[in-house]
Amino acid sequence: MPRPAARPCTVVALLETRETPRAEAAARIAAVLTGRGWRQQSDGDERVFTRARWQLDVGAGTWPYARLLDLVADGQRPEGDTFTGVVAFARRDGCPAGGPG
């Protein structure tokens, strides 16, 4: 997928998959992040982690593109109405809001 527009003090990763990721995918991601020192703040399909003034929102599933438009640069949205895969959006405290709606 084309890269989203760059923003100061934010990191965005979109990993598109052919099939909807299984629930176990989010659990595996959580295990890796907590093993690297991230603290999990919420559980479920969309999880929130924090570490050293950063907040990381991670989800695995299918979303309407309307919910992800802030993450996808103008003119780079793939065809179709939905995105299926893994979304990770990180921002440092004090940065502009933005992110998945």
PDB file of N, CA and C in Angstrom:
ATOM      1  N   MET A   1       0.847  -1.165   0.000  1.00  0.00           N
ATOM      2  CA  MET A   1       0.000   0.000   0.000  1.00  0.00           C
ATOM      3  C   MET A   1       0.893   1.228   0.000  1.00  0.00           C
ATOM      4  N   PRO A   2       0.538   2.269  -0.736  1.00  0.00           N
ATOM      5  CA  PRO A   2       1.359   3.483  -0.740  1.00  0.00           C
ATOM      6  C   PRO A   2       1.474   4.066   0.669  1.00  0.00           C
ATOM      7  N   ARG A   3       2.578   4.760   0.901  1.00  0.00           N
ATOM      8  CA  ARG A   3       2.810   5.334   2.230  1.00  0.00           C
ATOM      9  C   ARG A   3       1.914   6.537   2.465  1.00  0.00           C
ATOM     10  N   PRO A   4       1.363   6.680   3.676  1.00  0.00           N
ATOM     11  CA  PRO A   4       0.594   7.873   4.019  1.00  0.00           C
ATOM     12  C   PRO A   4       1.506   9.085   4.093  1.00  0.00           C
ATOM     13  N   ALA A   5       0.912  10.256   4.069  1.00  0.00           N
ATOM     14  CA  ALA A   5       1.687  11.489   4.169  1.00  0.00           C
ATOM     15  C   ALA A   5       2.426  11.525   5.503  1.00  0.00           C
ATOM     16  N   ALA A   6       3.655  12.047   5.471  1.00  0.00           N
ATOM     17  CA  ALA A   6       4.459  12.136   6.693  1.00  0.00           C
ATOM     18  C   ALA A   6       3.878  13.186   7.637  1.00  0.00           C
ATOM     19  N   ARG A   7       3.952  12.905   8.938  1.00  0.00           N
ATOM     20  CA  ARG A   7       3.497  13.841   9.964  1.00  0.00           C
ATOM     21  C   ARG A   7       4.526  13.846  11.074  1.00  0.00           C
ATOM     22  N   PRO A   8       4.762  15.013  11.670  1.00  0.00           N
ATOM     23  CA  PRO A   8       5.732  15.046  12.763  1.00  0.00           C
ATOM     24  C   PRO A   8       5.222  14.258  13.968  1.00  0.00           C
ATOM     25  N   CYS A   9       6.090  13.532  14.592  1.00  0.00           N
ATOM     26  CA  CYS A   9       5.867  12.759  15.820  1.00  0.00           C
ATOM     27  C   CYS A   9       4.691  11.789  15.759  1.00  0.00           C
ATOM     28  N   THR A  10       4.445  11.226  14.590  1.00  0.00           N
ATOM     29  CA  THR A  10       3.464  10.151  14.455  1.00  0.00           C
ATOM     30  C   THR A  10       4.055   9.054  13.583  1.00  0.00           C
ATOM     31  N   VAL A  11       3.605   7.836  13.807  1.00  0.00           N
ATOM     32  CA  VAL A  11       4.023   6.700  12.992  1.00  0.00           C
ATOM     33  C   VAL A  11       2.760   5.947  12.604  1.00  0.00           C
ATOM     34  N   VAL A  12       2.626   5.619  11.321  1.00  0.00           N
ATOM     35  CA  VAL A  12       1.461   4.894  10.828  1.00  0.00           C
ATOM     36  C   VAL A  12       1.935   3.671  10.057  1.00  0.00           C
ATOM     37  N   ALA A  13       1.321   2.527  10.348  1.00  0.00           N
ATOM     38  CA  ALA A  13       1.609   1.311   9.584  1.00  0.00           C
ATOM     39  C   ALA A  13       0.279   0.668   9.199  1.00  0.00           C
ATOM     40  N   LEU A  14       0.112   0.408   7.909  1.00  0.00           N
ATOM     41  CA  LEU A  14      -1.066  -0.282   7.396  1.00  0.00           C
ATOM     42  C   LEU A  14      -0.574  -1.525   6.666  1.00  0.00           C
ATOM     43  N   LEU A  15      -0.960  -2.688   7.152  1.00  0.00           N
ATOM     44  CA  LEU A  15      -0.580  -3.952   6.531  1.00  0.00           C
ATOM     45  C   LEU A  15      -1.847  -4.605   6.001  1.00  0.00           C
ATOM     46  N   GLU A  16      -2.043  -4.499   4.687  1.00  0.00           N
ATOM     47  CA  GLU A  16      -3.251  -5.046   4.080  1.00  0.00           C
ATOM     48  C   GLU A  16      -3.100  -6.557   3.896  1.00  0.00           C
ATOM     49  N   THR A  17      -4.174  -7.296   4.209  1.00  0.00           N
ATOM     50  CA  THR A  17      -4.186  -8.746   4.047  1.00  0.00           C
ATOM     51  C   THR A  17      -5.362  -9.132   3.161  1.00  0.00           C
ATOM     52  N   ARG A  18      -5.278 -10.302   2.553  1.00  0.00           N
ATOM     53  CA  ARG A  18      -6.373 -10.766   1.696  1.00  0.00           C
ATOM     54  C   ARG A  18      -7.592 -11.154   2.511  1.00  0.00           C
ATOM     55  N   GLU A  19      -7.337 -11.784   3.654  1.00  0.00           N
ATOM     56  CA  GLU A  19      -8.429 -12.229   4.526  1.00  0.00           C
ATOM     57  C   GLU A  19      -8.395 -11.436   5.827  1.00  0.00           C
ATOM     58  N   THR A  20      -9.530 -11.377   6.498  1.00  0.00           N
ATOM     59  CA  THR A  20      -9.586 -10.701   7.784  1.00  0.00           C
ATOM     60  C   THR A  20      -8.685 -11.432   8.770  1.00  0.00           C
ATOM     61  N   PRO A  21      -7.769 -10.706   9.421  1.00  0.00           N
ATOM     62  CA  PRO A  21      -6.895 -11.366  10.395  1.00  0.00           C
ATOM     63  C   PRO A  21      -7.717 -12.019  11.507  1.00  0.00           C
ATOM     64  N   ARG A  22      -7.254 -13.167  11.961  1.00  0.00           N
ATOM     65  CA  ARG A  22      -7.935 -13.860  13.055  1.00  0.00           C
ATOM     66  C   ARG A  22      -7.702 -13.116  14.363  1.00  0.00           C
ATOM     67  N   ALA A  23      -8.548 -13.377  15.341  1.00  0.00           N
ATOM     68  CA  ALA A  23      -8.428 -12.744  16.651  1.00  0.00           C
ATOM     69  C   ALA A  23      -7.055 -12.996  17.266  1.00  0.00           C
ATOM     70  N   GLU A  24      -6.463 -14.140  16.962  1.00  0.00           N
ATOM     71  CA  GLU A  24      -5.154 -14.466  17.518  1.00  0.00           C
ATOM     72  C   GLU A  24      -4.073 -13.491  17.052  1.00  0.00           C
ATOM     73  N   ALA A  25      -4.282 -12.848  15.898  1.00  0.00           N
ATOM     74  CA  ALA A  25      -3.284 -11.907  15.389  1.00  0.00           C
ATOM     75  C   ALA A  25      -3.088 -10.759  16.368  1.00  0.00           C
ATOM     76  N   ALA A  26      -4.178 -10.205  16.890  1.00  0.00           N
ATOM     77  CA  ALA A  26      -4.070  -9.110  17.851  1.00  0.00           C
ATOM     78  C   ALA A  26      -3.380  -9.569  19.129  1.00  0.00           C
ATOM     79  N   ALA A  27      -3.650 -10.791  19.561  1.00  0.00           N
ATOM     80  CA  ALA A  27      -3.007 -11.325  20.764  1.00  0.00           C
ATOM     81  C   ALA A  27      -1.505 -11.496  20.544  1.00  0.00           C
ATOM     82  N   ARG A  28      -1.103 -11.945  19.364  1.00  0.00           N
ATOM     83  CA  ARG A  28       0.326 -12.110  19.078  1.00  0.00           C
ATOM     84  C   ARG A  28       1.035 -10.758  19.029  1.00  0.00           C
ATOM     85  N   ILE A  29       0.386  -9.776  18.419  1.00  0.00           N
ATOM     86  CA  ILE A  29       0.959  -8.428  18.367  1.00  0.00           C
ATOM     87  C   ILE A  29       1.129  -7.895  19.790  1.00  0.00           C
ATOM     88  N   ALA A  30       0.104  -8.079  20.623  1.00  0.00           N
ATOM     89  CA  ALA A  30       0.161  -7.615  22.014  1.00  0.00           C
ATOM     90  C   ALA A  30       1.310  -8.282  22.763  1.00  0.00           C
ATOM     91  N   ALA A  31       1.511  -9.560  22.550  1.00  0.00           N
ATOM     92  CA  ALA A  31       2.590 -10.283  23.238  1.00  0.00           C
ATOM     93  C   ALA A  31       3.955  -9.721  22.857  1.00  0.00           C
ATOM     94  N   VAL A  32       4.151  -9.427  21.588  1.00  0.00           N
ATOM     95  CA  VAL A  32       5.430  -8.868  21.139  1.00  0.00           C
ATOM     96  C   VAL A  32       5.635  -7.481  21.739  1.00  0.00           C
ATOM     97  N   LEU A  33       4.603  -6.641  21.685  1.00  0.00           N
ATOM     98  CA  LEU A  33       4.748  -5.275  22.202  1.00  0.00           C
ATOM     99  C   LEU A  33       5.004  -5.259  23.711  1.00  0.00           C
ATOM    100  N   THR A  34       4.247  -6.047  24.464  1.00  0.00           N
ATOM    101  CA  THR A  34       4.464  -6.058  25.915  1.00  0.00           C
ATOM    102  C   THR A  34       5.837  -6.639  26.241  1.00  0.00           C
ATOM    103  N   GLY A  35       6.312  -7.570  25.448  1.00  0.00           N
ATOM    104  CA  GLY A  35       7.653  -8.106  25.626  1.00  0.00           C
ATOM    105  C   GLY A  35       8.738  -7.077  25.370  1.00  0.00           C
ATOM    106  N   ARG A  36       8.394  -6.032  24.624  1.00  0.00           N
ATOM    107  CA  ARG A  36       9.350  -4.961  24.327  1.00  0.00           C
ATOM    108  C   ARG A  36       9.135  -3.734  25.211  1.00  0.00           C
ATOM    109  N   GLY A  37       8.344  -3.907  26.264  1.00  0.00           N
ATOM    110  CA  GLY A  37       8.197  -2.829  27.229  1.00  0.00           C
ATOM    111  C   GLY A  37       6.978  -1.938  27.081  1.00  0.00           C
ATOM    112  N   TRP A  38       6.103  -2.202  26.118  1.00  0.00           N
ATOM    113  CA  TRP A  38       4.869  -1.429  25.974  1.00  0.00           C
ATOM    114  C   TRP A  38       3.879  -1.905  27.027  1.00  0.00           C
ATOM    115  N   ARG A  39       3.103  -0.986  27.600  1.00  0.00           N
ATOM    116  CA  ARG A  39       2.075  -1.331  28.591  1.00  0.00           C
ATOM    117  C   ARG A  39       0.715  -1.313  27.906  1.00  0.00           C
ATOM    118  N   GLN A  40      -0.006  -2.420  27.991  1.00  0.00           N
ATOM    119  CA  GLN A  40      -1.314  -2.511  27.352  1.00  0.00           C
ATOM    120  C   GLN A  40      -2.355  -1.812  28.213  1.00  0.00           C
ATOM    121  N   GLN A  41      -3.118  -0.887  27.582  1.00  0.00           N
ATOM    122  CA  GLN A  41      -4.129  -0.104  28.279  1.00  0.00           C
ATOM    123  C   GLN A  41      -5.543  -0.597  28.015  1.00  0.00           C
ATOM    124  N   SER A  42      -5.766  -1.267  26.874  1.00  0.00           N
ATOM    125  CA  SER A  42      -7.095  -1.796  26.550  1.00  0.00           C
ATOM    126  C   SER A  42      -6.946  -3.089  25.769  1.00  0.00           C
ATOM    127  N   ASP A  43      -8.015  -3.893  25.768  1.00  0.00           N
ATOM    128  CA  ASP A  43      -8.004  -5.216  25.160  1.00  0.00           C
ATOM    129  C   ASP A  43      -9.099  -5.276  24.101  1.00  0.00           C
ATOM    130  N   GLY A  44      -9.083  -6.289  23.263  1.00  0.00           N
ATOM    131  CA  GLY A  44     -10.123  -6.476  22.255  1.00  0.00           C
ATOM    132  C   GLY A  44      -9.533  -6.419  20.861  1.00  0.00           C
ATOM    133  N   ASP A  45     -10.381  -6.155  19.865  1.00  0.00           N
ATOM    134  CA  ASP A  45      -9.920  -6.080  18.479  1.00  0.00           C
ATOM    135  C   ASP A  45      -9.013  -4.881  18.246  1.00  0.00           C
ATOM    136  N   GLU A  46      -9.267  -3.798  18.970  1.00  0.00           N
ATOM    137  CA  GLU A  46      -8.436  -2.609  18.875  1.00  0.00           C
ATOM    138  C   GLU A  46      -7.814  -2.379  20.245  1.00  0.00           C
ATOM    139  N   ARG A  47      -6.499  -2.448  20.301  1.00  0.00           N
ATOM    140  CA  ARG A  47      -5.791  -2.357  21.579  1.00  0.00           C
ATOM    141  C   ARG A  47      -4.970  -1.076  21.631  1.00  0.00           C
ATOM    142  N   VAL A  48      -4.807  -0.564  22.844  1.00  0.00           N
ATOM    143  CA  VAL A  48      -4.026   0.651  23.058  1.00  0.00           C
ATOM    144  C   VAL A  48      -2.858   0.307  23.973  1.00  0.00           C
ATOM    145  N   PHE A  49      -1.672   0.776  23.585  1.00  0.00           N
ATOM    146  CA  PHE A  49      -0.450   0.558  24.354  1.00  0.00           C
ATOM    147  C   PHE A  49       0.214   1.906  24.608  1.00  0.00           C
ATOM    148  N   THR A  50       0.985   1.999  25.696  1.00  0.00           N
ATOM    149  CA  THR A  50       1.738   3.212  25.980  1.00  0.00           C
ATOM    150  C   THR A  50       3.169   2.846  26.358  1.00  0.00           C
ATOM    151  N   ARG A  51       4.069   3.804  26.063  1.00  0.00           N
ATOM    152  CA  ARG A  51       5.472   3.638  26.433  1.00  0.00           C
ATOM    153  C   ARG A  51       6.193   4.961  26.186  1.00  0.00           C
ATOM    154  N   ALA A  52       6.873   5.458  27.216  1.00  0.00           N
ATOM    155  CA  ALA A  52       7.744   6.636  27.091  1.00  0.00           C
ATOM    156  C   ALA A  52       7.085   7.774  26.310  1.00  0.00           C
ATOM    157  N   ARG A  53       5.925   8.217  26.778  1.00  0.00           N
ATOM    158  CA  ARG A  53       5.180   9.345  26.176  1.00  0.00           C
ATOM    159  C   ARG A  53       4.593   9.043  24.802  1.00  0.00           C
ATOM    160  N   TRP A  54       4.559   7.777  24.396  1.00  0.00           N
ATOM    161  CA  TRP A  54       3.936   7.388  23.141  1.00  0.00           C
ATOM    162  C   TRP A  54       2.672   6.584  23.427  1.00  0.00           C
ATOM    163  N   GLN A  55       1.669   6.765  22.564  1.00  0.00           N
ATOM    164  CA  GLN A  55       0.472   5.925  22.594  1.00  0.00           C
ATOM    165  C   GLN A  55       0.388   5.223  21.250  1.00  0.00           C
ATOM    166  N   LEU A  56       0.142   3.915  21.272  1.00  0.00           N
ATOM    167  CA  LEU A  56       0.074   3.103  20.071  1.00  0.00           C
ATOM    168  C   LEU A  56      -1.275   2.395  20.028  1.00  0.00           C
ATOM    169  N   ASP A  57      -2.053   2.690  19.000  1.00  0.00           N
ATOM    170  CA  ASP A  57      -3.338   2.022  18.777  1.00  0.00           C
ATOM    171  C   ASP A  57      -3.112   0.961  17.702  1.00  0.00           C
ATOM    172  N   VAL A  58      -3.480  -0.286  17.995  1.00  0.00           N
ATOM    173  CA  VAL A  58      -3.290  -1.388  17.061  1.00  0.00           C
ATOM    174  C   VAL A  58      -4.609  -2.127  16.900  1.00  0.00           C
ATOM    175  N   GLY A  59      -4.977  -2.411  15.658  1.00  0.00           N
ATOM    176  CA  GLY A  59      -6.183  -3.176  15.394  1.00  0.00           C
ATOM    177  C   GLY A  59      -5.971  -4.119  14.231  1.00  0.00           C
ATOM    178  N   ALA A  60      -6.705  -5.207  14.233  1.00  0.00           N
ATOM    179  CA  ALA A  60      -6.657  -6.172  13.141  1.00  0.00           C
ATOM    180  C   ALA A  60      -8.096  -6.511  12.777  1.00  0.00           C
ATOM    181  N   GLY A  61      -8.461  -6.288  11.526  1.00  0.00           N
ATOM    182  CA  GLY A  61      -9.831  -6.556  11.098  1.00  0.00           C
ATOM    183  C   GLY A  61     -10.144  -5.883   9.783  1.00  0.00           C
ATOM    184  N   THR A  62     -11.409  -5.528   9.599  1.00  0.00           N
ATOM    185  CA  THR A  62     -11.873  -4.826   8.396  1.00  0.00           C
ATOM    186  C   THR A  62     -12.574  -3.547   8.823  1.00  0.00           C
ATOM    187  N   TRP A  63     -12.199  -2.421   8.199  1.00  0.00           N
ATOM    188  CA  TRP A  63     -12.795  -1.124   8.517  1.00  0.00           C
ATOM    189  C   TRP A  63     -13.217  -0.423   7.236  1.00  0.00           C
ATOM    190  N   PRO A  64     -14.242   0.426   7.311  1.00  0.00           N
ATOM    191  CA  PRO A  64     -14.560   1.273   6.157  1.00  0.00           C
ATOM    192  C   PRO A  64     -13.437   2.300   5.978  1.00  0.00           C
ATOM    193  N   TYR A  65     -13.075   2.590   4.739  1.00  0.00           N
ATOM    194  CA  TYR A  65     -12.012   3.563   4.492  1.00  0.00           C
ATOM    195  C   TYR A  65     -12.344   4.923   5.094  1.00  0.00           C
ATOM    196  N   ALA A  66     -13.624   5.261   5.192  1.00  0.00           N
ATOM    197  CA  ALA A  66     -13.992   6.554   5.761  1.00  0.00           C
ATOM    198  C   ALA A  66     -13.388   6.717   7.154  1.00  0.00           C
ATOM    199  N   ARG A  67     -13.233   5.629   7.877  1.00  0.00           N
ATOM    200  CA  ARG A  67     -12.657   5.691   9.225  1.00  0.00           C
ATOM    201  C   ARG A  67     -11.144   5.876   9.199  1.00  0.00           C
ATOM    202  N   LEU A  68     -10.500   5.510   8.087  1.00  0.00           N
ATOM    203  CA  LEU A  68      -9.046   5.555   8.001  1.00  0.00           C
ATOM    204  C   LEU A  68      -8.517   6.681   7.118  1.00  0.00           C
ATOM    205  N   LEU A  69      -9.396   7.533   6.600  1.00  0.00           N
ATOM    206  CA  LEU A  69      -8.951   8.525   5.624  1.00  0.00           C
ATOM    207  C   LEU A  69      -7.847   9.433   6.142  1.00  0.00           C
ATOM    208  N   ASP A  70      -7.829   9.753   7.435  1.00  0.00           N
ATOM    209  CA  ASP A  70      -6.762  10.589   7.972  1.00  0.00           C
ATOM    210  C   ASP A  70      -5.406   9.908   7.864  1.00  0.00           C
ATOM    211  N   LEU A  71      -5.386   8.590   7.793  1.00  0.00           N
ATOM    212  CA  LEU A  71      -4.130   7.851   7.742  1.00  0.00           C
ATOM    213  C   LEU A  71      -3.622   7.642   6.328  1.00  0.00           C
ATOM    214  N   VAL A  72      -4.494   7.771   5.340  1.00  0.00           N
ATOM    215  CA  VAL A  72      -4.129   7.489   3.956  1.00  0.00           C
ATOM    216  C   VAL A  72      -3.984   8.804   3.213  1.00  0.00           C
ATOM    217  N   ALA A  73      -2.829   9.025   2.596  1.00  0.00           N
ATOM    218  CA  ALA A  73      -2.562  10.273   1.887  1.00  0.00           C
ATOM    219  C   ALA A  73      -3.534  10.450   0.719  1.00  0.00           C
ATOM    220  N   ASP A  74      -3.834  11.713   0.396  1.00  0.00           N
ATOM    221  CA  ASP A  74      -4.712  12.005  -0.735  1.00  0.00           C
ATOM    222  C   ASP A  74      -4.204  11.309  -1.987  1.00  0.00           C
ATOM    223  N   GLY A  75      -5.104  10.717  -2.735  1.00  0.00           N
ATOM    224  CA  GLY A  75      -4.756  10.072  -3.985  1.00  0.00           C
ATOM    225  C   GLY A  75      -4.101   8.709  -3.825  1.00  0.00           C
ATOM    226  N   GLN A  76      -3.944   8.220  -2.594  1.00  0.00           N
ATOM    227  CA  GLN A  76      -3.290   6.935  -2.388  1.00  0.00           C
ATOM    228  C   GLN A  76      -4.244   5.868  -1.869  1.00  0.00           C
ATOM    229  N   ARG A  77      -5.520   6.190  -1.769  1.00  0.00           N
ATOM    230  CA  ARG A  77      -6.477   5.210  -1.263  1.00  0.00           C
ATOM    231  C   ARG A  77      -6.694   4.114  -2.297  1.00  0.00           C
ATOM    232  N   PRO A  78      -6.477   2.865  -1.911  1.00  0.00           N
ATOM    233  CA  PRO A  78      -6.735   1.772  -2.851  1.00  0.00           C
ATOM    234  C   PRO A  78      -8.215   1.702  -3.204  1.00  0.00           C
ATOM    235  N   GLU A  79      -8.530   0.991  -4.255  1.00  0.00           N
ATOM    236  CA  GLU A  79      -9.932   0.870  -4.669  1.00  0.00           C
ATOM    237  C   GLU A  79     -10.719   0.046  -3.661  1.00  0.00           C
ATOM    238  N   GLY A  80     -12.018   0.276  -3.638  1.00  0.00           N
ATOM    239  CA  GLY A  80     -12.890  -0.446  -2.720  1.00  0.00           C
ATOM    240  C   GLY A  80     -13.339   0.451  -1.578  1.00  0.00           C
ATOM    241  N   ASP A  81     -14.231  -0.077  -0.756  1.00  0.00           N
ATOM    242  CA  ASP A  81     -14.793   0.716   0.328  1.00  0.00           C
ATOM    243  C   ASP A  81     -14.231   0.364   1.691  1.00  0.00           C
ATOM    244  N   THR A  82     -13.493  -0.753   1.774  1.00  0.00           N
ATOM    245  CA  THR A  82     -13.004  -1.189   3.072  1.00  0.00           C
ATOM    246  C   THR A  82     -11.522  -1.534   3.009  1.00  0.00           C
ATOM    247  N   PHE A  83     -10.893  -1.508   4.183  1.00  0.00           N
ATOM    248  CA  PHE A  83      -9.512  -1.931   4.348  1.00  0.00           C
ATOM    249  C   PHE A  83      -9.520  -3.150   5.259  1.00  0.00           C
ATOM    250  N   THR A  84      -8.821  -4.205   4.869  1.00  0.00           N
ATOM    251  CA  THR A  84      -8.706  -5.409   5.678  1.00  0.00           C
ATOM    252  C   THR A  84      -7.234  -5.634   5.977  1.00  0.00           C
ATOM    253  N   GLY A  85      -6.921  -5.796   7.258  1.00  0.00           N
ATOM    254  CA  GLY A  85      -5.533  -6.035   7.643  1.00  0.00           C
ATOM    255  C   GLY A  85      -5.266  -5.542   9.045  1.00  0.00           C
ATOM    256  N   VAL A  86      -4.032  -5.060   9.250  1.00  0.00           N
ATOM    257  CA  VAL A  86      -3.584  -4.574  10.548  1.00  0.00           C
ATOM    258  C   VAL A  86      -3.286  -3.087  10.429  1.00  0.00           C
ATOM    259  N   VAL A  87      -3.784  -2.316  11.387  1.00  0.00           N
ATOM    260  CA  VAL A  87      -3.547  -0.880  11.446  1.00  0.00           C
ATOM    261  C   VAL A  87      -2.815  -0.579  12.743  1.00  0.00           C
ATOM    262  N   ALA A  88      -1.734   0.186  12.650  1.00  0.00           N
ATOM    263  CA  ALA A  88      -1.019   0.645  13.842  1.00  0.00           C
ATOM    264  C   ALA A  88      -0.792   2.139  13.693  1.00  0.00           C
ATOM    265  N   PHE A  89      -1.215   2.900  14.689  1.00  0.00           N
ATOM    266  CA  PHE A  89      -1.065   4.353  14.672  1.00  0.00           C
ATOM    267  C   PHE A  89      -0.458   4.774  16.001  1.00  0.00           C
ATOM    268  N   ALA A  90       0.713   5.381  15.957  1.00  0.00           N
ATOM    269  CA  ALA A  90       1.391   5.826  17.179  1.00  0.00           C
ATOM    270  C   ALA A  90       1.580   7.328  17.146  1.00  0.00           C
ATOM    271  N   ARG A  91       1.413   7.960  18.303  1.00  0.00           N
ATOM    272  CA  ARG A  91       1.679   9.392  18.403  1.00  0.00           C
ATOM    273  C   ARG A  91       2.285   9.680  19.767  1.00  0.00           C
ATOM    274  N   ARG A  92       3.171  10.654  19.779  1.00  0.00           N
ATOM    275  CA  ARG A  92       3.837  11.059  21.006  1.00  0.00           C
ATOM    276  C   ARG A  92       3.007  12.114  21.708  1.00  0.00           C
ATOM    277  N   ASP A  93       2.995  12.108  23.034  1.00  0.00           N
ATOM    278  CA  ASP A  93       2.275  13.131  23.800  1.00  0.00           C
ATOM    279  C   ASP A  93       2.662  14.517  23.302  1.00  0.00           C
ATOM    280  N   GLY A  94       1.658  15.380  23.206  1.00  0.00           N
ATOM    281  CA  GLY A  94       1.908  16.741  22.767  1.00  0.00           C
ATOM    282  C   GLY A  94       1.819  16.926  21.280  1.00  0.00           C
ATOM    283  N   CYS A  95       1.627  15.851  20.521  1.00  0.00           N
ATOM    284  CA  CYS A  95       1.495  15.960  19.065  1.00  0.00           C
ATOM    285  C   CYS A  95       0.049  16.274  18.700  1.00  0.00           C
ATOM    286  N   PRO A  96      -0.170  16.782  17.498  1.00  0.00           N
ATOM    287  CA  PRO A  96      -1.540  17.017  17.057  1.00  0.00           C
ATOM    288  C   PRO A  96      -2.351  15.735  17.132  1.00  0.00           C
ATOM    289  N   ALA A  97      -3.657  15.855  17.390  1.00  0.00           N
ATOM    290  CA  ALA A  97      -4.532  14.674  17.521  1.00  0.00           C
ATOM    291  C   ALA A  97      -4.484  13.872  16.235  1.00  0.00           C
ATOM    292  N   GLY A  98      -5.535  13.731  15.512  1.00  0.00           N
ATOM    293  CA  GLY A  98      -5.523  12.943  14.275  1.00  0.00           C
ATOM    294  C   GLY A  98      -5.449  11.465  14.587  1.00  0.00           C
ATOM    295  N   GLY A  99      -5.706  10.659  13.620  1.00  0.00           N
ATOM    296  CA  GLY A  99      -5.666   9.213  13.816  1.00  0.00           C
ATOM    297  C   GLY A  99      -6.994   8.591  13.491  1.00  0.00           C
ATOM    298  N   PRO A 100      -7.132   7.309  13.713  1.00  0.00           N
ATOM    299  CA  PRO A 100      -8.376   6.637  13.359  1.00  0.00           C
ATOM    300  C   PRO A 100      -9.554   7.201  14.140  1.00  0.00           C
ATOM    301  N   GLY A 101     -10.680   7.383  13.452  1.00  0.00           N
ATOM    302  CA  GLY A 101     -11.861   7.960  14.091  1.00  0.00           C
ATOM    303  C   GLY A 101     -12.721   6.967  14.803  1.00  0.00           C
TER     304      GLY A 101
END
